Amino acid sequence: MKTLLVVDDEVGITEALNDLLSEEGFHVLVAPNGRVALERVAEERPDLLLLDYMMPVMDGREVLLALQRDEATRDIPVLLMSAVPRSSLPPECKPTAFLRKPFTIDRLLTEVGRLLGGPAKP
C-alpha cells in the first residue's frame, strides 16, 4: 500500500483528501503545516507528498527546498497544489507536478496515479 502525505493548513481540504485517497486504497497521513510535514517525512517516508503552496509556519516552497536539499528525501515526488498559477512560482520552486486549485477529483487521481506509476487499487 502506497503512503501519501497531505500537507495543507485548511482542515476541510485535508479531511476531504484523506477520505478520498483512503477510499482509493492509499495509506494517508496529514500535516497542518510544513514543519509538521518534514517531521512526518522523517518518521514515515511517504511515497508521495501532496503539498499546499501557501501555508503559515512553513510554506510549500520552504518544504520543497528542504526536501530537495536532503539526499534522503530529494527523490520523494511532490505534487504542489495552489490557487496561484505555476508561472507565478519562484524559479527555485520545482515540484514534480503541479495542480492548480480548484481541481477535480479525476484530475487529482490521474496525477497521483501518474506519479506513483498506477492506481492504488489493483
C-alpha atoms as a PDB file:
ATOM      1  CA  MET A   1       0.000   0.000   0.000  1.00  0.00           C
ATOM      2  CA  LYS A   2       1.385   3.390  -1.017  1.00  0.00           C
ATOM      3  CA  THR A   3       1.660   6.088   1.641  1.00  0.00           C
ATOM      4  CA  LEU A   4       0.676   9.670   0.817  1.00  0.00           C
ATOM      5  CA  LEU A   5       1.290  12.733   2.954  1.00  0.00           C
ATOM      6  CA  VAL A   6      -1.279  15.510   2.512  1.00  0.00           C
ATOM      7  CA  VAL A   7       0.029  18.870   3.730  1.00  0.00           C
ATOM      8  CA  ASP A   8      -2.485  21.708   3.950  1.00  0.00           C
ATOM      9  CA  ASP A   9      -3.438  24.202   6.645  1.00  0.00           C
ATOM     10  CA  GLU A  10      -7.134  24.001   5.714  1.00  0.00           C
ATOM     11  CA  VAL A  11      -8.687  21.199   7.770  1.00  0.00           C
ATOM     12  CA  GLY A  12     -11.564  20.738   5.329  1.00  0.00           C
ATOM     13  CA  ILE A  13      -9.143  20.044   2.496  1.00  0.00           C
ATOM     14  CA  THR A  14      -7.028  17.576   4.459  1.00  0.00           C
ATOM     15  CA  GLU A  15     -10.155  15.749   5.658  1.00  0.00           C
ATOM     16  CA  ALA A  16     -11.630  15.553   2.158  1.00  0.00           C
ATOM     17  CA  LEU A  17      -8.362  14.373   0.595  1.00  0.00           C
ATOM     18  CA  ASN A  18      -7.811  11.895   3.414  1.00  0.00           C
ATOM     19  CA  ASP A  19     -11.276  10.374   2.876  1.00  0.00           C
ATOM     20  CA  LEU A  20     -10.975  10.299  -0.914  1.00  0.00           C
ATOM     21  CA  LEU A  21      -7.458   8.888  -1.085  1.00  0.00           C
ATOM     22  CA  SER A  22      -8.091   6.342   1.680  1.00  0.00           C
ATOM     23  CA  GLU A  23     -11.117   5.129  -0.282  1.00  0.00           C
ATOM     24  CA  GLU A  24      -8.824   4.718  -3.287  1.00  0.00           C
ATOM     25  CA  GLY A  25      -6.626   2.353  -1.290  1.00  0.00           C
ATOM     26  CA  PHE A  26      -3.837   4.655  -0.124  1.00  0.00           C
ATOM     27  CA  HIS A  27      -2.471   4.961   3.398  1.00  0.00           C
ATOM     28  CA  VAL A  28      -2.899   8.694   4.061  1.00  0.00           C
ATOM     29  CA  LEU A  29      -1.033  10.849   6.560  1.00  0.00           C
ATOM     30  CA  VAL A  30      -1.854  14.523   7.115  1.00  0.00           C
ATOM     31  CA  ALA A  31       0.109  17.534   8.305  1.00  0.00           C
ATOM     32  CA  PRO A  32      -1.270  21.036   9.002  1.00  0.00           C
ATOM     33  CA  ASN A  33       1.930  22.884   8.028  1.00  0.00           C
ATOM     34  CA  GLY A  34       5.382  22.437   6.570  1.00  0.00           C
ATOM     35  CA  ARG A  35       7.187  21.941   9.839  1.00  0.00           C
ATOM     36  CA  VAL A  36       4.967  19.015  10.823  1.00  0.00           C
ATOM     37  CA  ALA A  37       5.247  17.692   7.257  1.00  0.00           C
ATOM     38  CA  LEU A  38       9.036  17.447   7.491  1.00  0.00           C
ATOM     39  CA  GLU A  39       8.697  15.585  10.797  1.00  0.00           C
ATOM     40  CA  ARG A  40       6.246  13.139   9.198  1.00  0.00           C
ATOM     41  CA  VAL A  41       8.538  12.646   6.200  1.00  0.00           C
ATOM     42  CA  ALA A  42      11.420  11.767   8.528  1.00  0.00           C
ATOM     43  CA  GLU A  43       9.247   9.319  10.507  1.00  0.00           C
ATOM     44  CA  GLU A  44       7.168   7.704   7.757  1.00  0.00           C
ATOM     45  CA  ARG A  45       8.995   8.180   4.422  1.00  0.00           C
ATOM     46  CA  PRO A  46       5.848   8.638   2.278  1.00  0.00           C
ATOM     47  CA  ASP A  47       5.750   7.636  -1.390  1.00  0.00           C
ATOM     48  CA  LEU A  48       4.246  10.988  -2.423  1.00  0.00           C
ATOM     49  CA  LEU A  49       3.585  14.423  -0.904  1.00  0.00           C
ATOM     50  CA  LEU A  50       0.506  16.446  -1.811  1.00  0.00           C
ATOM     51  CA  LEU A  51       1.709  19.853  -0.712  1.00  0.00           C
ATOM     52  CA  ASP A  52      -0.184  23.126  -0.436  1.00  0.00           C
ATOM     53  CA  TYR A  53       1.864  26.135  -1.502  1.00  0.00           C
ATOM     54  CA  MET A  54       0.522  28.871   0.779  1.00  0.00           C
ATOM     55  CA  MET A  55       0.567  27.929   4.469  1.00  0.00           C
ATOM     56  CA  PRO A  56       1.585  29.563   7.735  1.00  0.00           C
ATOM     57  CA  VAL A  57       4.579  28.388   9.816  1.00  0.00           C
ATOM     58  CA  MET A  58       6.459  26.897   6.834  1.00  0.00           C
ATOM     59  CA  ASP A  59       5.086  27.257   3.317  1.00  0.00           C
ATOM     60  CA  GLY A  60       5.218  24.821   0.413  1.00  0.00           C
ATOM     61  CA  ARG A  61       8.277  26.447  -1.149  1.00  0.00           C
ATOM     62  CA  GLU A  62      10.267  26.048   2.065  1.00  0.00           C
ATOM     63  CA  VAL A  63       9.207  22.407   2.419  1.00  0.00           C
ATOM     64  CA  LEU A  64      10.070  21.656  -1.188  1.00  0.00           C
ATOM     65  CA  LEU A  65      13.515  23.238  -0.863  1.00  0.00           C
ATOM     66  CA  ALA A  66      14.193  21.366   2.399  1.00  0.00           C
ATOM     67  CA  LEU A  67      13.247  18.061   0.762  1.00  0.00           C
ATOM     68  CA  GLN A  68      15.425  18.771  -2.273  1.00  0.00           C
ATOM     69  CA  ARG A  69      18.456  19.659  -0.127  1.00  0.00           C
ATOM     70  CA  ASP A  70      18.292  16.387   1.799  1.00  0.00           C
ATOM     71  CA  GLU A  71      19.724  13.383  -0.032  1.00  0.00           C
ATOM     72  CA  ALA A  72      17.368  11.074   1.884  1.00  0.00           C
ATOM     73  CA  THR A  73      14.221  12.896   0.692  1.00  0.00           C
ATOM     74  CA  ARG A  74      15.056  14.524  -2.635  1.00  0.00           C
ATOM     75  CA  ASP A  75      13.615  11.613  -4.618  1.00  0.00           C
ATOM     76  CA  ILE A  76      10.176  11.748  -2.981  1.00  0.00           C
ATOM     77  CA  PRO A  77       7.773  13.104  -5.612  1.00  0.00           C
ATOM     78  CA  VAL A  78       5.891  16.267  -4.672  1.00  0.00           C
ATOM     79  CA  LEU A  79       2.540  17.296  -6.119  1.00  0.00           C
ATOM     80  CA  LEU A  80       2.280  21.002  -5.330  1.00  0.00           C
ATOM     81  CA  MET A  81      -1.260  22.389  -5.063  1.00  0.00           C
ATOM     82  CA  SER A  82      -2.016  26.097  -5.290  1.00  0.00           C
ATOM     83  CA  ALA A  83      -4.543  28.680  -6.387  1.00  0.00           C
ATOM     84  CA  VAL A  84      -1.700  30.711  -7.903  1.00  0.00           C
ATOM     85  CA  PRO A  85      -0.593  29.724 -11.408  1.00  0.00           C
ATOM     86  CA  ARG A  86       2.586  27.690 -11.796  1.00  0.00           C
ATOM     87  CA  SER A  87       4.140  30.567 -13.730  1.00  0.00           C
ATOM     88  CA  SER A  88       3.921  32.685 -10.545  1.00  0.00           C
ATOM     89  CA  LEU A  89       6.084  30.293  -8.517  1.00  0.00           C
ATOM     90  CA  PRO A  90       9.658  31.374  -7.796  1.00  0.00           C
ATOM     91  CA  PRO A  91      12.227  29.745 -10.104  1.00  0.00           C
ATOM     92  CA  GLU A  92      13.747  27.644  -7.315  1.00  0.00           C
ATOM     93  CA  CYS A  93      10.356  26.033  -6.642  1.00  0.00           C
ATOM     94  CA  LYS A  94      10.399  22.926  -8.842  1.00  0.00           C
ATOM     95  CA  PRO A  95       7.809  20.363  -7.765  1.00  0.00           C
ATOM     96  CA  THR A  96       7.480  17.031  -9.545  1.00  0.00           C
ATOM     97  CA  ALA A  97       3.962  18.038 -10.600  1.00  0.00           C
ATOM     98  CA  PHE A  98       1.564  20.931 -10.086  1.00  0.00           C
ATOM     99  CA  LEU A  99      -2.208  21.108  -9.603  1.00  0.00           C
ATOM    100  CA  ARG A 100      -3.972  24.437  -9.793  1.00  0.00           C
ATOM    101  CA  LYS A 101      -6.759  24.849  -7.219  1.00  0.00           C
ATOM    102  CA  PRO A 102      -9.600  24.258  -7.559  1.00  0.00           C
ATOM    103  CA  PHE A 103      -9.101  20.889  -9.247  1.00  0.00           C
ATOM    104  CA  THR A 104     -11.396  17.965  -9.971  1.00  0.00           C
ATOM    105  CA  ILE A 105     -11.195  14.629  -8.199  1.00  0.00           C
ATOM    106  CA  ASP A 106     -10.465  12.947 -11.533  1.00  0.00           C
ATOM    107  CA  ARG A 107      -7.555  15.285 -12.212  1.00  0.00           C
ATOM    108  CA  LEU A 108      -6.134  14.680  -8.734  1.00  0.00           C
ATOM    109  CA  LEU A 109      -6.414  10.898  -9.025  1.00  0.00           C
ATOM    110  CA  THR A 110      -4.869  10.966 -12.502  1.00  0.00           C
ATOM    111  CA  GLU A 111      -1.859  12.929 -11.243  1.00  0.00           C
ATOM    112  CA  VAL A 112      -1.427  10.757  -8.148  1.00  0.00           C
ATOM    113  CA  GLY A 113      -1.603   7.613 -10.274  1.00  0.00           C
ATOM    114  CA  ARG A 114       0.859   9.011 -12.796  1.00  0.00           C
ATOM    115  CA  LEU A 115       3.358   9.989 -10.099  1.00  0.00           C
ATOM    116  CA  LEU A 116       3.113   6.605  -8.397  1.00  0.00           C
ATOM    117  CA  GLY A 117       3.096   4.537 -11.574  1.00  0.00           C
ATOM    118  CA  GLY A 118      -0.538   3.436 -11.375  1.00  0.00           C
ATOM    119  CA  PRO A 119      -3.643   3.455  -9.175  1.00  0.00           C
ATOM    120  CA  ALA A 120      -3.593   2.166  -5.607  1.00  0.00           C
ATOM    121  CA  LYS A 121      -6.355  -0.356  -6.224  1.00  0.00           C
ATOM    122  CA  PRO A 122      -5.347  -3.389  -8.322  1.00  0.00           C
END
